[in-house]
Amino acid sequence: MAENEAENVKLAVLEEKVFNMVEVISKLDDTIEKLSDLSVNVSKMLAVHEEKLEFARESAAETAREIADLETKMEEHHERTSMRLRTLERRVWTGIGIAVTVGLILQSELIGRIILEPQTPPESAIIERKS
C-alpha cells in the first residue's frame, strides 16, 4: 500500500506538472499565433513601404529628367539671348561710329568754310557825319 500511495503521489505530481505544461503550451500557442499575426502585419507594412519607396524612386527619376530638360532649355535660351545681345551691341557701336564719322566730316567742312572763306569786317554801328 505504501508503494501504491507513493505511486499515487508521483502520479499526482506528474499530473500537476502535465497540467502546468498544458498551460505553458497553451500560452506558447497563443504567443505563436500573435507572432504570426504580427509577422503578417509587418509583411503588409513592408509591402506598403516598398511601394512608397518605388514611387519615390520613380518620382525622383522623373524630377531629375525634368531638371535636365529645364537646364537644356535654359542653356538654349541663354545662347539665343547672348546672340541677340551681341548683334545689338554691334549695331550700337556701328551707329556710334557712323555718328562720329558724320560729326567729324561736318566739323571739318565747317572749319574749312571758316578758314577758306574771306571774312568781311563787320560794319560799324556808328554812322559818321559828314561836315
N, C-alpha and C. Protein backbone atom coordinates (compact mmCIF):
# COMPACT_ATOMS: atom_id res chain seq x y z
N MET A 1 0.77 -1.16 0.00
CA MET A 1 0.00 0.00 0.00
C MET A 1 0.84 1.26 0.00
N ALA A 2 1.87 1.24 0.73
CA ALA A 2 2.76 2.38 0.77
C ALA A 2 3.31 2.63 -0.63
N GLU A 3 3.56 1.52 -1.26
CA GLU A 3 4.04 1.65 -2.63
C GLU A 3 2.96 2.22 -3.51
N ASN A 4 1.76 1.86 -3.31
CA ASN A 4 0.62 2.36 -4.06
C ASN A 4 0.42 3.84 -3.78
N GLU A 5 0.59 4.20 -2.51
CA GLU A 5 0.45 5.59 -2.14
C GLU A 5 1.56 6.42 -2.75
N ALA A 6 2.76 5.91 -2.75
CA ALA A 6 3.90 6.62 -3.34
C ALA A 6 3.68 6.79 -4.83
N GLU A 7 3.14 5.79 -5.43
CA GLU A 7 2.87 5.89 -6.86
C GLU A 7 1.75 6.89 -7.12
N ASN A 8 0.76 6.93 -6.24
CA ASN A 8 -0.32 7.92 -6.37
C ASN A 8 0.22 9.35 -6.22
N VAL A 9 1.15 9.52 -5.29
CA VAL A 9 1.76 10.84 -5.10
C VAL A 9 2.55 11.21 -6.35
N LYS A 10 3.33 10.26 -6.85
CA LYS A 10 4.09 10.51 -8.07
C LYS A 10 3.15 10.84 -9.22
N LEU A 11 2.06 10.07 -9.29
CA LEU A 11 1.08 10.31 -10.36
C LEU A 11 0.45 11.68 -10.21
N ALA A 12 0.14 12.07 -8.99
CA ALA A 12 -0.45 13.39 -8.75
C ALA A 12 0.54 14.49 -9.12
N VAL A 13 1.82 14.29 -8.76
CA VAL A 13 2.86 15.28 -9.11
C VAL A 13 3.00 15.37 -10.62
N LEU A 14 3.02 14.21 -11.27
CA LEU A 14 3.14 14.20 -12.73
C LEU A 14 1.91 14.86 -13.38
N GLU A 15 0.72 14.59 -12.84
CA GLU A 15 -0.48 15.22 -13.38
C GLU A 15 -0.42 16.73 -13.21
N GLU A 16 0.08 17.17 -12.05
CA GLU A 16 0.24 18.61 -11.80
C GLU A 16 1.22 19.21 -12.79
N LYS A 17 2.35 18.53 -13.02
CA LYS A 17 3.34 19.02 -13.98
C LYS A 17 2.78 19.04 -15.40
N VAL A 18 2.01 18.02 -15.77
CA VAL A 18 1.40 17.96 -17.09
C VAL A 18 0.40 19.10 -17.23
N PHE A 19 -0.38 19.34 -16.17
CA PHE A 19 -1.35 20.43 -16.21
C PHE A 19 -0.64 21.77 -16.40
N ASN A 20 0.47 21.95 -15.66
CA ASN A 20 1.25 23.18 -15.81
C ASN A 20 1.83 23.28 -17.22
N MET A 21 2.28 22.15 -17.75
CA MET A 21 2.84 22.14 -19.11
C MET A 21 1.76 22.48 -20.14
N VAL A 22 0.52 22.00 -19.89
CA VAL A 22 -0.57 22.30 -20.81
C VAL A 22 -0.83 23.80 -20.82
N GLU A 23 -0.77 24.44 -19.64
CA GLU A 23 -0.94 25.89 -19.57
C GLU A 23 0.18 26.61 -20.33
N VAL A 24 1.40 26.15 -20.11
CA VAL A 24 2.55 26.77 -20.79
C VAL A 24 2.43 26.57 -22.29
N ILE A 25 2.05 25.38 -22.72
CA ILE A 25 1.90 25.09 -24.15
C ILE A 25 0.76 25.94 -24.73
N SER A 26 -0.31 26.10 -23.97
CA SER A 26 -1.43 26.93 -24.42
C SER A 26 -0.96 28.38 -24.58
N LYS A 27 -0.19 28.88 -23.61
CA LYS A 27 0.34 30.24 -23.72
C LYS A 27 1.30 30.35 -24.89
N LEU A 28 2.10 29.32 -25.10
CA LEU A 28 3.02 29.32 -26.25
C LEU A 28 2.25 29.34 -27.56
N ASP A 29 1.15 28.58 -27.62
CA ASP A 29 0.30 28.59 -28.82
C ASP A 29 -0.27 29.99 -29.07
N ASP A 30 -0.75 30.62 -27.99
CA ASP A 30 -1.28 31.99 -28.13
C ASP A 30 -0.17 32.94 -28.60
N THR A 31 1.00 32.80 -28.02
CA THR A 31 2.12 33.66 -28.40
C THR A 31 2.53 33.43 -29.85
N ILE A 32 2.57 32.19 -30.25
CA ILE A 32 2.91 31.86 -31.65
C ILE A 32 1.86 32.44 -32.58
N GLU A 33 0.60 32.37 -32.21
CA GLU A 33 -0.47 32.93 -33.04
C GLU A 33 -0.33 34.45 -33.14
N LYS A 34 -0.04 35.10 -32.00
CA LYS A 34 0.16 36.55 -32.04
C LYS A 34 1.37 36.92 -32.87
N LEU A 35 2.44 36.17 -32.74
CA LEU A 35 3.65 36.43 -33.54
C LEU A 35 3.37 36.23 -35.03
N SER A 36 2.55 35.25 -35.33
CA SER A 36 2.18 35.01 -36.73
C SER A 36 1.38 36.19 -37.27
N ASP A 37 0.40 36.67 -36.47
CA ASP A 37 -0.36 37.86 -36.89
C ASP A 37 0.57 39.06 -37.06
N LEU A 38 1.49 39.23 -36.12
CA LEU A 38 2.44 40.33 -36.19
C LEU A 38 3.31 40.23 -37.44
N SER A 39 3.72 39.01 -37.75
CA SER A 39 4.53 38.79 -38.94
C SER A 39 3.77 39.16 -40.21
N VAL A 40 2.49 38.80 -40.24
CA VAL A 40 1.65 39.15 -41.39
C VAL A 40 1.52 40.67 -41.50
N ASN A 41 1.29 41.33 -40.36
CA ASN A 41 1.16 42.78 -40.36
C ASN A 41 2.46 43.46 -40.79
N VAL A 42 3.58 42.95 -40.30
CA VAL A 42 4.88 43.51 -40.70
C VAL A 42 5.10 43.30 -42.19
N SER A 43 4.72 42.15 -42.70
CA SER A 43 4.86 41.90 -44.14
C SER A 43 4.02 42.88 -44.95
N LYS A 44 2.80 43.14 -44.48
CA LYS A 44 1.95 44.12 -45.17
C LYS A 44 2.57 45.52 -45.12
N MET A 45 3.08 45.88 -43.95
CA MET A 45 3.71 47.20 -43.82
C MET A 45 4.93 47.31 -44.73
N LEU A 46 5.72 46.26 -44.79
CA LEU A 46 6.90 46.28 -45.66
C LEU A 46 6.50 46.40 -47.12
N ALA A 47 5.43 45.73 -47.49
CA ALA A 47 4.96 45.82 -48.87
C ALA A 47 4.51 47.25 -49.18
N VAL A 48 3.80 47.87 -48.26
CA VAL A 48 3.35 49.25 -48.46
C VAL A 48 4.56 50.19 -48.54
N HIS A 49 5.52 50.01 -47.65
CA HIS A 49 6.71 50.85 -47.67
C HIS A 49 7.52 50.64 -48.95
N GLU A 50 7.57 49.43 -49.41
CA GLU A 50 8.29 49.15 -50.66
C GLU A 50 7.61 49.86 -51.83
N GLU A 51 6.29 49.86 -51.84
CA GLU A 51 5.56 50.59 -52.89
C GLU A 51 5.85 52.09 -52.80
N LYS A 52 5.86 52.62 -51.59
CA LYS A 52 6.15 54.04 -51.41
C LYS A 52 7.57 54.36 -51.86
N LEU A 53 8.52 53.50 -51.52
CA LEU A 53 9.90 53.72 -51.94
C LEU A 53 10.03 53.67 -53.46
N GLU A 54 9.33 52.74 -54.08
CA GLU A 54 9.38 52.65 -55.55
C GLU A 54 8.78 53.90 -56.17
N PHE A 55 7.67 54.37 -55.61
CA PHE A 55 7.06 55.61 -56.11
C PHE A 55 8.02 56.78 -55.95
N ALA A 56 8.69 56.85 -54.78
CA ALA A 56 9.64 57.93 -54.53
C ALA A 56 10.81 57.85 -55.51
N ARG A 57 11.29 56.65 -55.80
CA ARG A 57 12.39 56.50 -56.78
C ARG A 57 11.96 56.97 -58.15
N GLU A 58 10.76 56.56 -58.57
CA GLU A 58 10.25 56.98 -59.88
C GLU A 58 10.06 58.49 -59.92
N SER A 59 9.54 59.04 -58.84
CA SER A 59 9.33 60.49 -58.77
C SER A 59 10.67 61.23 -58.84
N ALA A 60 11.66 60.73 -58.12
CA ALA A 60 12.98 61.36 -58.14
C ALA A 60 13.61 61.28 -59.53
N ALA A 61 13.45 60.14 -60.19
CA ALA A 61 13.99 60.00 -61.54
C ALA A 61 13.30 60.95 -62.50
N GLU A 62 11.98 61.07 -62.37
CA GLU A 62 11.22 61.98 -63.24
C GLU A 62 11.64 63.43 -62.97
N THR A 63 11.82 63.77 -61.71
CA THR A 63 12.26 65.12 -61.37
C THR A 63 13.65 65.39 -61.94
N ALA A 64 14.53 64.42 -61.87
CA ALA A 64 15.88 64.59 -62.43
C ALA A 64 15.81 64.81 -63.94
N ARG A 65 14.93 64.06 -64.62
CA ARG A 65 14.77 64.26 -66.06
C ARG A 65 14.24 65.65 -66.36
N GLU A 66 13.25 66.09 -65.59
CA GLU A 66 12.68 67.42 -65.80
C GLU A 66 13.72 68.51 -65.56
N ILE A 67 14.56 68.33 -64.55
CA ILE A 67 15.62 69.31 -64.27
C ILE A 67 16.61 69.34 -65.42
N ALA A 68 16.97 68.18 -65.94
CA ALA A 68 17.89 68.13 -67.08
C ALA A 68 17.27 68.82 -68.30
N ASP A 69 15.99 68.57 -68.56
CA ASP A 69 15.31 69.23 -69.68
C ASP A 69 15.29 70.74 -69.49
N LEU A 70 14.98 71.16 -68.26
CA LEU A 70 14.93 72.59 -67.97
C LEU A 70 16.31 73.23 -68.13
N GLU A 71 17.33 72.51 -67.72
CA GLU A 71 18.70 73.02 -67.86
C GLU A 71 19.04 73.20 -69.34
N THR A 72 18.67 72.23 -70.16
CA THR A 72 18.93 72.32 -71.59
C THR A 72 18.18 73.51 -72.19
N LYS A 73 16.91 73.67 -71.82
CA LYS A 73 16.13 74.80 -72.33
C LYS A 73 16.73 76.13 -71.90
N MET A 74 17.18 76.20 -70.65
CA MET A 74 17.77 77.44 -70.16
C MET A 74 19.07 77.76 -70.90
N GLU A 75 19.88 76.75 -71.17
CA GLU A 75 21.12 76.97 -71.92
C GLU A 75 20.82 77.47 -73.32
N GLU A 76 19.81 76.88 -73.98
CA GLU A 76 19.43 77.32 -75.32
C GLU A 76 18.93 78.77 -75.28
N HIS A 77 18.10 79.08 -74.29
CA HIS A 77 17.58 80.44 -74.17
C HIS A 77 18.72 81.43 -73.91
N HIS A 78 19.65 81.04 -73.05
CA HIS A 78 20.80 81.90 -72.75
C HIS A 78 21.63 82.15 -74.01
N GLU A 79 21.84 81.12 -74.80
CA GLU A 79 22.62 81.26 -76.03
C GLU A 79 21.91 82.21 -77.01
N ARG A 80 20.58 82.04 -77.17
CA ARG A 80 19.83 82.94 -78.06
C ARG A 80 19.88 84.38 -77.58
N THR A 81 19.73 84.57 -76.27
CA THR A 81 19.77 85.91 -75.71
C THR A 81 21.16 86.53 -75.88
N SER A 82 22.20 85.75 -75.67
CA SER A 82 23.56 86.25 -75.85
C SER A 82 23.80 86.65 -77.30
N MET A 83 23.31 85.85 -78.23
CA MET A 83 23.47 86.16 -79.65
C MET A 83 22.75 87.47 -79.98
N ARG A 84 21.53 87.64 -79.49
CA ARG A 84 20.78 88.87 -79.74
C ARG A 84 21.51 90.07 -79.14
N LEU A 85 22.06 89.91 -77.95
CA LEU A 85 22.78 90.99 -77.30
C LEU A 85 24.03 91.37 -78.08
N ARG A 86 24.77 90.37 -78.57
CA ARG A 86 25.97 90.65 -79.37
C ARG A 86 25.59 91.39 -80.65
N THR A 87 24.50 90.98 -81.29
CA THR A 87 24.04 91.65 -82.51
C THR A 87 23.66 93.09 -82.20
N LEU A 88 22.93 93.30 -81.12
CA LEU A 88 22.53 94.64 -80.72
C LEU A 88 23.76 95.51 -80.42
N GLU A 89 24.74 94.96 -79.72
CA GLU A 89 25.96 95.71 -79.42
C GLU A 89 26.69 96.13 -80.71
N ARG A 90 26.76 95.20 -81.66
CA ARG A 90 27.41 95.54 -82.94
C ARG A 90 26.69 96.69 -83.62
N ARG A 91 25.36 96.64 -83.61
CA ARG A 91 24.59 97.70 -84.25
C ARG A 91 24.79 99.03 -83.53
N VAL A 92 24.81 99.01 -82.21
CA VAL A 92 25.01 100.24 -81.45
C VAL A 92 26.38 100.83 -81.75
N TRP A 93 27.42 100.00 -81.72
CA TRP A 93 28.77 100.51 -81.99
C TRP A 93 28.91 100.98 -83.44
N THR A 94 28.24 100.30 -84.35
CA THR A 94 28.26 100.75 -85.74
C THR A 94 27.58 102.11 -85.84
N GLY A 95 26.45 102.29 -85.20
CA GLY A 95 25.75 103.57 -85.19
C GLY A 95 26.60 104.68 -84.58
N ILE A 96 27.26 104.36 -83.48
CA ILE A 96 28.14 105.35 -82.84
C ILE A 96 29.27 105.74 -83.79
N GLY A 97 29.85 104.75 -84.46
CA GLY A 97 30.92 105.02 -85.41
C GLY A 97 30.45 105.91 -86.55
N ILE A 98 29.27 105.61 -87.07
CA ILE A 98 28.72 106.43 -88.16
C ILE A 98 28.46 107.85 -87.68
N ALA A 99 27.89 107.99 -86.48
CA ALA A 99 27.60 109.32 -85.93
C ALA A 99 28.88 110.11 -85.73
N VAL A 100 29.92 109.46 -85.21
CA VAL A 100 31.21 110.14 -85.01
C VAL A 100 31.79 110.55 -86.35
N THR A 101 31.73 109.66 -87.33
CA THR A 101 32.27 109.97 -88.66
C THR A 101 31.52 111.14 -89.28
N VAL A 102 30.21 111.12 -89.24
CA VAL A 102 29.41 112.22 -89.79
C VAL A 102 29.74 113.52 -89.05
N GLY A 103 29.85 113.44 -87.75
CA GLY A 103 30.20 114.62 -86.95
C GLY A 103 31.55 115.18 -87.35
N LEU A 104 32.54 114.30 -87.52
CA LEU A 104 33.87 114.76 -87.93
C LEU A 104 33.84 115.39 -89.31
N ILE A 105 33.10 114.78 -90.23
CA ILE A 105 33.00 115.34 -91.59
C ILE A 105 32.34 116.70 -91.55
N LEU A 106 31.25 116.84 -90.84
CA LEU A 106 30.56 118.12 -90.75
C LEU A 106 31.44 119.16 -90.06
N GLN A 107 32.14 118.75 -89.04
CA GLN A 107 33.01 119.68 -88.33
C GLN A 107 34.15 120.13 -89.22
N SER A 108 34.75 119.22 -89.99
CA SER A 108 35.86 119.61 -90.86
C SER A 108 35.36 120.53 -91.97
N GLU A 109 34.15 120.30 -92.49
CA GLU A 109 33.60 121.21 -93.51
C GLU A 109 33.34 122.58 -92.92
N LEU A 110 32.81 122.63 -91.72
CA LEU A 110 32.54 123.91 -91.07
C LEU A 110 33.82 124.67 -90.82
N ILE A 111 34.83 123.97 -90.35
CA ILE A 111 36.12 124.62 -90.11
C ILE A 111 36.73 125.06 -91.43
N GLY A 112 36.61 124.21 -92.47
CA GLY A 112 37.14 124.57 -93.78
C GLY A 112 36.48 125.81 -94.32
N ARG A 113 35.20 125.96 -94.15
CA ARG A 113 34.50 127.14 -94.64
C ARG A 113 34.96 128.39 -93.89
N ILE A 114 35.13 128.25 -92.63
CA ILE A 114 35.54 129.42 -91.83
C ILE A 114 36.94 129.87 -92.23
N ILE A 115 37.82 128.91 -92.42
CA ILE A 115 39.20 129.25 -92.75
C ILE A 115 39.30 129.71 -94.20
N LEU A 116 38.66 129.03 -95.11
CA LEU A 116 38.82 129.33 -96.52
C LEU A 116 38.00 130.53 -96.97
N GLU A 117 36.91 130.83 -96.39
CA GLU A 117 36.09 131.97 -96.80
C GLU A 117 36.71 133.24 -96.24
N PRO A 118 36.82 134.26 -97.12
CA PRO A 118 37.36 135.53 -96.60
C PRO A 118 36.32 136.15 -95.66
N GLN A 119 36.83 136.68 -94.65
CA GLN A 119 35.94 137.28 -93.69
C GLN A 119 35.82 138.77 -93.98
N THR A 120 34.64 139.23 -93.99
CA THR A 120 34.41 140.65 -94.21
C THR A 120 34.33 141.32 -92.86
N PRO A 121 34.96 142.50 -92.78
CA PRO A 121 34.91 143.15 -91.47
C PRO A 121 33.48 143.57 -91.17
N PRO A 122 33.10 143.50 -89.98
CA PRO A 122 31.76 143.89 -89.63
C PRO A 122 31.57 145.42 -89.83
N GLU A 123 30.42 145.79 -90.23
CA GLU A 123 30.13 147.20 -90.44
C GLU A 123 30.02 147.89 -89.10
N SER A 124 30.48 149.10 -89.11
CA SER A 124 30.47 149.85 -87.88
C SER A 124 29.05 150.29 -87.59
N ALA A 125 28.74 150.26 -86.38
CA ALA A 125 27.41 150.65 -85.98
C ALA A 125 27.32 152.16 -85.83
N ILE A 126 28.46 152.79 -85.78
CA ILE A 126 28.45 154.25 -85.65
C ILE A 126 28.44 154.86 -87.04
N ILE A 127 27.54 155.72 -87.26
CA ILE A 127 27.45 156.39 -88.55
C ILE A 127 28.26 157.69 -88.46
N GLU A 128 29.12 157.87 -89.41
CA GLU A 128 29.95 159.04 -89.39
C GLU A 128 29.19 160.21 -90.05
N ARG A 129 29.37 161.38 -89.48
CA ARG A 129 28.71 162.56 -90.02
C ARG A 129 29.65 163.23 -91.00
N LYS A 130 29.10 163.63 -91.99
CA LYS A 130 29.88 164.38 -92.95
C LYS A 130 29.66 165.87 -92.64
N SER A 131 30.66 166.60 -92.46
CA SER A 131 30.50 168.01 -92.18
C SER A 131 30.89 168.86 -93.33
